[in-house]
Amino acid sequence: MVPPVGQASPAFRERPVAHEPSSNQTQAAAGSNPLSAQLNQSAGAYELVLSAVFMGFVGYWVDGWFGTRPVFIIVLTVLGLLGAGLSMYYRYKHQIAELNAETALLREQARGNIPKTGRVTGSDR
């Protein structure tokens, strides 16, 4: 039996698909722009490399000033690497703390303990 015009046969009907986030939802999760999210993720690599290179050049200049050729280059390059590493570490800890707080808020909203706005007023407690 042939289905009427404009209708698909039962074998070719679309199957229900699991909900996929829309591009607006993914952009909101990424910080309103996918490019800015990618740049934010790659900033740590640039910071790590450029801080060491910059501090190495400063060390080269200081060594030229004092006549102690490899000392300040090595010390300031290592300090640049340590500083960039610590900066990345604390930025990561801050992002994890924000995500944990957001997850806890969403769990409480799902349980119905707080309103969907995220604000808890005196009457909501």
C-alpha atoms as a PDB file:
ATOM      1  CA  MET A   1       0.000   0.000   0.000  1.00  0.00           C
ATOM      2  CA  VAL A   2       1.328   3.384  -0.973  1.00  0.00           C
ATOM      3  CA  PRO A   3       0.869   6.225   1.526  1.00  0.00           C
ATOM      4  CA  PRO A   4      -0.948   9.362   0.397  1.00  0.00           C
ATOM      5  CA  VAL A   5       1.105  12.166  -1.132  1.00  0.00           C
ATOM      6  CA  GLY A   6       2.912  14.213   1.491  1.00  0.00           C
ATOM      7  CA  GLN A   7       3.097  11.414   4.060  1.00  0.00           C
ATOM      8  CA  ALA A   8       6.059   9.170   4.640  1.00  0.00           C
ATOM      9  CA  SER A   9       5.682   5.458   4.935  1.00  0.00           C
ATOM     10  CA  PRO A  10       5.980   4.051   8.472  1.00  0.00           C
ATOM     11  CA  ALA A  11       9.441   2.648   7.677  1.00  0.00           C
ATOM     12  CA  PHE A  12      10.796   6.101   6.776  1.00  0.00           C
ATOM     13  CA  ARG A  13       9.282   8.230   9.507  1.00  0.00           C
ATOM     14  CA  GLU A  14      11.758  10.112  11.602  1.00  0.00           C
ATOM     15  CA  ARG A  15      12.598   8.582  14.909  1.00  0.00           C
ATOM     16  CA  PRO A  16      12.546  10.741  18.000  1.00  0.00           C
ATOM     17  CA  VAL A  17      15.996  12.102  18.730  1.00  0.00           C
ATOM     18  CA  ALA A  18      17.403  12.879  22.157  1.00  0.00           C
ATOM     19  CA  HIS A  19      17.389  16.558  22.973  1.00  0.00           C
ATOM     20  CA  GLU A  20      20.503  18.297  21.752  1.00  0.00           C
ATOM     21  CA  PRO A  21      21.300  21.753  23.073  1.00  0.00           C
ATOM     22  CA  SER A  22      20.598  24.538  20.648  1.00  0.00           C
ATOM     23  CA  SER A  23      23.370  26.781  19.427  1.00  0.00           C
ATOM     24  CA  ASN A  24      22.081  29.511  21.758  1.00  0.00           C
ATOM     25  CA  GLN A  25      22.404  27.199  24.761  1.00  0.00           C
ATOM     26  CA  THR A  26      25.932  26.146  23.833  1.00  0.00           C
ATOM     27  CA  GLN A  27      26.938  29.757  23.225  1.00  0.00           C
ATOM     28  CA  ALA A  28      25.507  30.773  26.593  1.00  0.00           C
ATOM     29  CA  ALA A  29      27.439  27.967  28.248  1.00  0.00           C
ATOM     30  CA  ALA A  30      30.603  29.008  26.416  1.00  0.00           C
ATOM     31  CA  GLY A  31      30.285  32.633  27.467  1.00  0.00           C
ATOM     32  CA  SER A  32      28.177  34.067  24.614  1.00  0.00           C
ATOM     33  CA  ASN A  33      30.726  33.372  21.889  1.00  0.00           C
ATOM     34  CA  PRO A  34      32.402  30.083  20.958  1.00  0.00           C
ATOM     35  CA  LEU A  35      35.517  31.931  19.823  1.00  0.00           C
ATOM     36  CA  SER A  36      35.909  33.625  23.198  1.00  0.00           C
ATOM     37  CA  ALA A  37      35.572  30.244  24.920  1.00  0.00           C
ATOM     38  CA  GLN A  38      38.347  28.806  22.744  1.00  0.00           C
ATOM     39  CA  LEU A  39      40.568  31.825  23.357  1.00  0.00           C
ATOM     40  CA  ASN A  40      39.940  31.545  27.087  1.00  0.00           C
ATOM     41  CA  GLN A  41      41.014  27.895  27.011  1.00  0.00           C
ATOM     42  CA  SER A  42      44.185  28.600  25.018  1.00  0.00           C
ATOM     43  CA  ALA A  43      45.182  31.666  27.043  1.00  0.00           C
ATOM     44  CA  GLY A  44      46.969  29.503  29.600  1.00  0.00           C
ATOM     45  CA  ALA A  45      49.353  28.122  26.979  1.00  0.00           C
ATOM     46  CA  TYR A  46      50.207  31.594  25.721  1.00  0.00           C
ATOM     47  CA  GLU A  47      50.633  32.845  29.259  1.00  0.00           C
ATOM     48  CA  LEU A  48      52.963  29.976  30.124  1.00  0.00           C
ATOM     49  CA  VAL A  49      55.217  30.489  27.104  1.00  0.00           C
ATOM     50  CA  LEU A  50      55.187  34.281  26.895  1.00  0.00           C
ATOM     51  CA  SER A  51      55.839  34.860  30.589  1.00  0.00           C
ATOM     52  CA  ALA A  52      58.948  32.667  30.445  1.00  0.00           C
ATOM     53  CA  VAL A  53      60.185  34.360  27.261  1.00  0.00           C
ATOM     54  CA  PHE A  54      59.515  37.856  28.607  1.00  0.00           C
ATOM     55  CA  MET A  55      61.195  37.138  31.921  1.00  0.00           C
ATOM     56  CA  GLY A  56      64.127  35.565  30.028  1.00  0.00           C
ATOM     57  CA  PHE A  57      64.581  38.809  28.079  1.00  0.00           C
ATOM     58  CA  VAL A  58      64.385  40.818  31.297  1.00  0.00           C
ATOM     59  CA  GLY A  59      66.998  38.481  32.782  1.00  0.00           C
ATOM     60  CA  TYR A  60      69.195  38.972  29.712  1.00  0.00           C
ATOM     61  CA  TRP A  61      68.953  42.756  30.116  1.00  0.00           C
ATOM     62  CA  VAL A  62      69.698  42.595  33.873  1.00  0.00           C
ATOM     63  CA  ASP A  63      72.647  40.254  33.246  1.00  0.00           C
ATOM     64  CA  GLY A  64      74.015  42.710  30.682  1.00  0.00           C
ATOM     65  CA  TRP A  65      73.612  45.536  33.186  1.00  0.00           C
ATOM     66  CA  PHE A  66      75.428  43.721  36.021  1.00  0.00           C
ATOM     67  CA  GLY A  67      77.776  41.574  33.916  1.00  0.00           C
ATOM     68  CA  THR A  68      76.529  38.255  35.338  1.00  0.00           C
ATOM     69  CA  ARG A  69      75.567  36.592  32.091  1.00  0.00           C
ATOM     70  CA  PRO A  70      73.534  33.416  32.784  1.00  0.00           C
ATOM     71  CA  VAL A  71      72.383  34.003  36.377  1.00  0.00           C
ATOM     72  CA  PHE A  72      69.407  36.343  35.964  1.00  0.00           C
ATOM     73  CA  ILE A  73      68.308  34.732  32.687  1.00  0.00           C
ATOM     74  CA  ILE A  74      67.888  31.378  34.426  1.00  0.00           C
ATOM     75  CA  VAL A  75      66.396  32.745  37.657  1.00  0.00           C
ATOM     76  CA  LEU A  76      63.864  35.059  36.015  1.00  0.00           C
ATOM     77  CA  THR A  77      62.856  32.466  33.403  1.00  0.00           C
ATOM     78  CA  VAL A  78      62.146  29.931  36.154  1.00  0.00           C
ATOM     79  CA  LEU A  79      60.220  32.561  38.121  1.00  0.00           C
ATOM     80  CA  GLY A  80      58.178  33.380  35.003  1.00  0.00           C
ATOM     81  CA  LEU A  81      57.309  29.707  34.538  1.00  0.00           C
ATOM     82  CA  LEU A  82      56.384  29.295  38.210  1.00  0.00           C
ATOM     83  CA  GLY A  83      54.256  32.436  38.186  1.00  0.00           C
ATOM     84  CA  ALA A  84      52.378  31.375  35.047  1.00  0.00           C
ATOM     85  CA  GLY A  85      51.889  27.868  36.433  1.00  0.00           C
ATOM     86  CA  LEU A  86      50.495  29.194  39.708  1.00  0.00           C
ATOM     87  CA  SER A  87      48.227  31.590  37.837  1.00  0.00           C
ATOM     88  CA  MET A  88      46.827  28.720  35.747  1.00  0.00           C
ATOM     89  CA  TYR A  89      46.378  26.568  38.855  1.00  0.00           C
ATOM     90  CA  TYR A  90      44.443  29.212  40.800  1.00  0.00           C
ATOM     91  CA  ARG A  91      42.339  30.123  37.754  1.00  0.00           C
ATOM     92  CA  TYR A  92      41.446  26.430  37.398  1.00  0.00           C
ATOM     93  CA  LYS A  93      40.523  26.165  41.092  1.00  0.00           C
ATOM     94  CA  HIS A  94      38.315  29.262  40.770  1.00  0.00           C
ATOM     95  CA  GLN A  95      36.512  27.850  37.710  1.00  0.00           C
ATOM     96  CA  ILE A  96      35.922  24.524  39.471  1.00  0.00           C
ATOM     97  CA  ALA A  97      34.528  26.335  42.526  1.00  0.00           C
ATOM     98  CA  GLU A  98      32.155  28.325  40.280  1.00  0.00           C
ATOM     99  CA  LEU A  99      30.988  25.153  38.526  1.00  0.00           C
ATOM    100  CA  ASN A 100      30.423  23.378  41.845  1.00  0.00           C
ATOM    101  CA  ALA A 101      28.384  26.318  43.146  1.00  0.00           C
ATOM    102  CA  GLU A 102      26.323  26.399  39.944  1.00  0.00           C
ATOM    103  CA  THR A 103      25.747  22.638  40.131  1.00  0.00           C
ATOM    104  CA  ALA A 104      24.617  22.891  43.748  1.00  0.00           C
ATOM    105  CA  LEU A 105      22.224  25.712  42.810  1.00  0.00           C
ATOM    106  CA  LEU A 106      20.754  23.680  39.948  1.00  0.00           C
ATOM    107  CA  ARG A 107      20.306  20.659  42.220  1.00  0.00           C
ATOM    108  CA  GLU A 108      18.472  22.756  44.788  1.00  0.00           C
ATOM    109  CA  GLN A 109      16.274  24.231  42.067  1.00  0.00           C
ATOM    110  CA  ALA A 110      15.479  20.738  40.773  1.00  0.00           C
ATOM    111  CA  ARG A 111      14.456  19.665  44.269  1.00  0.00           C
ATOM    112  CA  GLY A 112      12.234  22.732  44.528  1.00  0.00           C
ATOM    113  CA  ASN A 113      14.008  24.142  47.578  1.00  0.00           C
ATOM    114  CA  ILE A 114      14.697  27.513  45.944  1.00  0.00           C
ATOM    115  CA  PRO A 115      12.945  29.446  43.167  1.00  0.00           C
ATOM    116  CA  LYS A 116      14.167  29.267  39.570  1.00  0.00           C
ATOM    117  CA  THR A 117      15.544  32.816  39.704  1.00  0.00           C
ATOM    118  CA  GLY A 118      18.347  31.701  41.984  1.00  0.00           C
ATOM    119  CA  ARG A 119      17.535  34.376  44.539  1.00  0.00           C
ATOM    120  CA  VAL A 120      16.605  33.309  48.040  1.00  0.00           C
ATOM    121  CA  THR A 121      14.484  35.820  49.880  1.00  0.00           C
ATOM    122  CA  GLY A 122      13.356  35.768  53.489  1.00  0.00           C
ATOM    123  CA  SER A 123       9.965  34.313  52.540  1.00  0.00           C
ATOM    124  CA  ASP A 124      11.594  31.497  50.526  1.00  0.00           C
ATOM    125  CA  ARG A 125      13.529  30.045  53.445  1.00  0.00           C
END
